[in-house]
Amino acid sequence: MSPVEPPVEVRKQIEEELERNRRWEYRLPVYAGVALLVSAVIVIVRVVFLHV
């Protein structure tokens, strides 16, 4: 039994969605770095100024 191929327009939509998802994956390390930087700044401000 062979798998059924989707129609061309459905295949195009799937490929476009995969490409959009791939572009977001490339941005994730940048967002993670920004989140870590913000967290570090919060910790440093609390330690230096609030002595908590």
N, C-alpha and C. Protein backbone atom coordinates (compact mmCIF):
# COMPACT_ATOMS: atom_id res chain seq x y z
N MET A 1 0.84 -1.17 0.00
CA MET A 1 0.00 0.00 0.00
C MET A 1 0.89 1.24 0.00
N SER A 2 0.66 2.15 -0.93
CA SER A 2 1.48 3.35 -1.03
C SER A 2 0.77 4.52 -0.34
N PRO A 3 1.54 5.46 0.20
CA PRO A 3 0.93 6.61 0.85
C PRO A 3 0.26 7.52 -0.19
N VAL A 4 -0.74 8.23 0.23
CA VAL A 4 -1.47 9.12 -0.67
C VAL A 4 -0.76 10.47 -0.68
N GLU A 5 -0.48 10.98 -1.86
CA GLU A 5 0.16 12.30 -1.99
C GLU A 5 -0.91 13.38 -1.85
N PRO A 6 -0.62 14.43 -1.07
CA PRO A 6 -1.60 15.52 -0.96
C PRO A 6 -1.64 16.34 -2.25
N PRO A 7 -2.72 17.05 -2.48
CA PRO A 7 -2.78 17.92 -3.66
C PRO A 7 -1.69 18.99 -3.62
N VAL A 8 -1.40 19.56 -4.77
CA VAL A 8 -0.30 20.52 -4.89
C VAL A 8 -0.52 21.74 -3.99
N GLU A 9 -1.74 22.27 -3.93
CA GLU A 9 -1.96 23.46 -3.11
C GLU A 9 -1.80 23.16 -1.62
N VAL A 10 -2.19 21.96 -1.20
CA VAL A 10 -2.00 21.58 0.21
C VAL A 10 -0.50 21.41 0.50
N ARG A 11 0.21 20.82 -0.43
CA ARG A 11 1.65 20.64 -0.27
C ARG A 11 2.35 22.00 -0.16
N LYS A 12 1.93 22.99 -0.97
CA LYS A 12 2.52 24.33 -0.90
C LYS A 12 2.25 24.97 0.46
N GLN A 13 1.03 24.84 0.96
CA GLN A 13 0.70 25.42 2.26
C GLN A 13 1.55 24.79 3.36
N ILE A 14 1.73 23.48 3.28
CA ILE A 14 2.55 22.80 4.29
C ILE A 14 3.99 23.28 4.23
N GLU A 15 4.53 23.40 3.01
CA GLU A 15 5.91 23.86 2.87
C GLU A 15 6.08 25.29 3.36
N GLU A 16 5.10 26.15 3.10
CA GLU A 16 5.18 27.53 3.58
C GLU A 16 5.13 27.60 5.10
N GLU A 17 4.28 26.79 5.70
CA GLU A 17 4.20 26.76 7.16
C GLU A 17 5.50 26.24 7.77
N LEU A 18 6.07 25.22 7.17
CA LEU A 18 7.34 24.69 7.66
C LEU A 18 8.44 25.75 7.55
N GLU A 19 8.44 26.52 6.48
CA GLU A 19 9.45 27.56 6.32
C GLU A 19 9.27 28.66 7.37
N ARG A 20 8.02 29.05 7.64
CA ARG A 20 7.77 30.05 8.69
C ARG A 20 8.26 29.53 10.04
N ASN A 21 7.98 28.27 10.35
CA ASN A 21 8.42 27.69 11.61
C ASN A 21 9.93 27.63 11.69
N ARG A 22 10.58 27.34 10.58
CA ARG A 22 12.04 27.27 10.56
C ARG A 22 12.65 28.63 10.85
N ARG A 23 12.04 29.69 10.29
CA ARG A 23 12.56 31.03 10.57
C ARG A 23 12.43 31.38 12.04
N TRP A 24 11.32 30.98 12.69
CA TRP A 24 11.16 31.23 14.11
C TRP A 24 12.20 30.45 14.91
N GLU A 25 12.52 29.25 14.49
CA GLU A 25 13.52 28.46 15.21
C GLU A 25 14.87 29.16 15.21
N TYR A 26 15.19 29.86 14.14
CA TYR A 26 16.47 30.58 14.10
C TYR A 26 16.48 31.74 15.08
N ARG A 27 15.32 32.31 15.40
CA ARG A 27 15.25 33.44 16.33
C ARG A 27 15.26 33.00 17.79
N LEU A 28 14.95 31.76 18.07
CA LEU A 28 14.83 31.32 19.46
C LEU A 28 16.11 31.52 20.28
N PRO A 29 17.31 31.21 19.78
CA PRO A 29 18.51 31.46 20.59
C PRO A 29 18.68 32.94 20.96
N VAL A 30 18.29 33.84 20.06
CA VAL A 30 18.39 35.27 20.35
C VAL A 30 17.44 35.63 21.49
N TYR A 31 16.19 35.14 21.40
CA TYR A 31 15.23 35.41 22.46
C TYR A 31 15.69 34.81 23.79
N ALA A 32 16.27 33.64 23.76
CA ALA A 32 16.77 33.01 24.99
C ALA A 32 17.90 33.85 25.58
N GLY A 33 18.79 34.36 24.74
CA GLY A 33 19.88 35.21 25.22
C GLY A 33 19.36 36.49 25.85
N VAL A 34 18.36 37.10 25.25
CA VAL A 34 17.77 38.32 25.81
C VAL A 34 17.12 38.02 27.15
N ALA A 35 16.41 36.90 27.24
CA ALA A 35 15.76 36.53 28.50
C ALA A 35 16.80 36.30 29.60
N LEU A 36 17.90 35.63 29.28
CA LEU A 36 18.95 35.42 30.27
C LEU A 36 19.59 36.74 30.70
N LEU A 37 19.79 37.63 29.74
CA LEU A 37 20.38 38.93 30.05
C LEU A 37 19.46 39.73 30.98
N VAL A 38 18.17 39.75 30.71
CA VAL A 38 17.22 40.47 31.55
C VAL A 38 17.19 39.85 32.95
N SER A 39 17.20 38.52 33.02
CA SER A 39 17.22 37.85 34.32
C SER A 39 18.48 38.20 35.10
N ALA A 40 19.61 38.22 34.43
CA ALA A 40 20.87 38.56 35.10
C ALA A 40 20.83 39.99 35.62
N VAL A 41 20.29 40.91 34.84
CA VAL A 41 20.20 42.31 35.29
C VAL A 41 19.31 42.42 36.51
N ILE A 42 18.20 41.70 36.52
CA ILE A 42 17.30 41.73 37.68
C ILE A 42 18.01 41.21 38.92
N VAL A 43 18.74 40.11 38.79
CA VAL A 43 19.45 39.55 39.93
C VAL A 43 20.53 40.51 40.41
N ILE A 44 21.26 41.10 39.49
CA ILE A 44 22.34 42.02 39.88
C ILE A 44 21.77 43.24 40.59
N VAL A 45 20.69 43.78 40.09
CA VAL A 45 20.07 44.96 40.72
C VAL A 45 19.59 44.60 42.12
N ARG A 46 18.98 43.43 42.28
CA ARG A 46 18.51 43.04 43.61
C ARG A 46 19.68 42.86 44.59
N VAL A 47 20.74 42.24 44.12
CA VAL A 47 21.88 41.98 45.01
C VAL A 47 22.60 43.29 45.37
N VAL A 48 22.83 44.13 44.39
CA VAL A 48 23.62 45.34 44.63
C VAL A 48 22.82 46.41 45.38
N PHE A 49 21.57 46.63 44.99
CA PHE A 49 20.84 47.75 45.55
C PHE A 49 19.92 47.38 46.70
N LEU A 50 19.41 46.17 46.72
CA LEU A 50 18.44 45.81 47.76
C LEU A 50 19.03 44.91 48.83
N HIS A 51 20.21 44.36 48.60
CA HIS A 51 20.89 43.48 49.54
C HIS A 51 19.98 42.36 50.05
N VAL A 52 19.26 41.77 49.12
CA VAL A 52 18.34 40.70 49.50
C VAL A 52 18.98 39.36 49.28
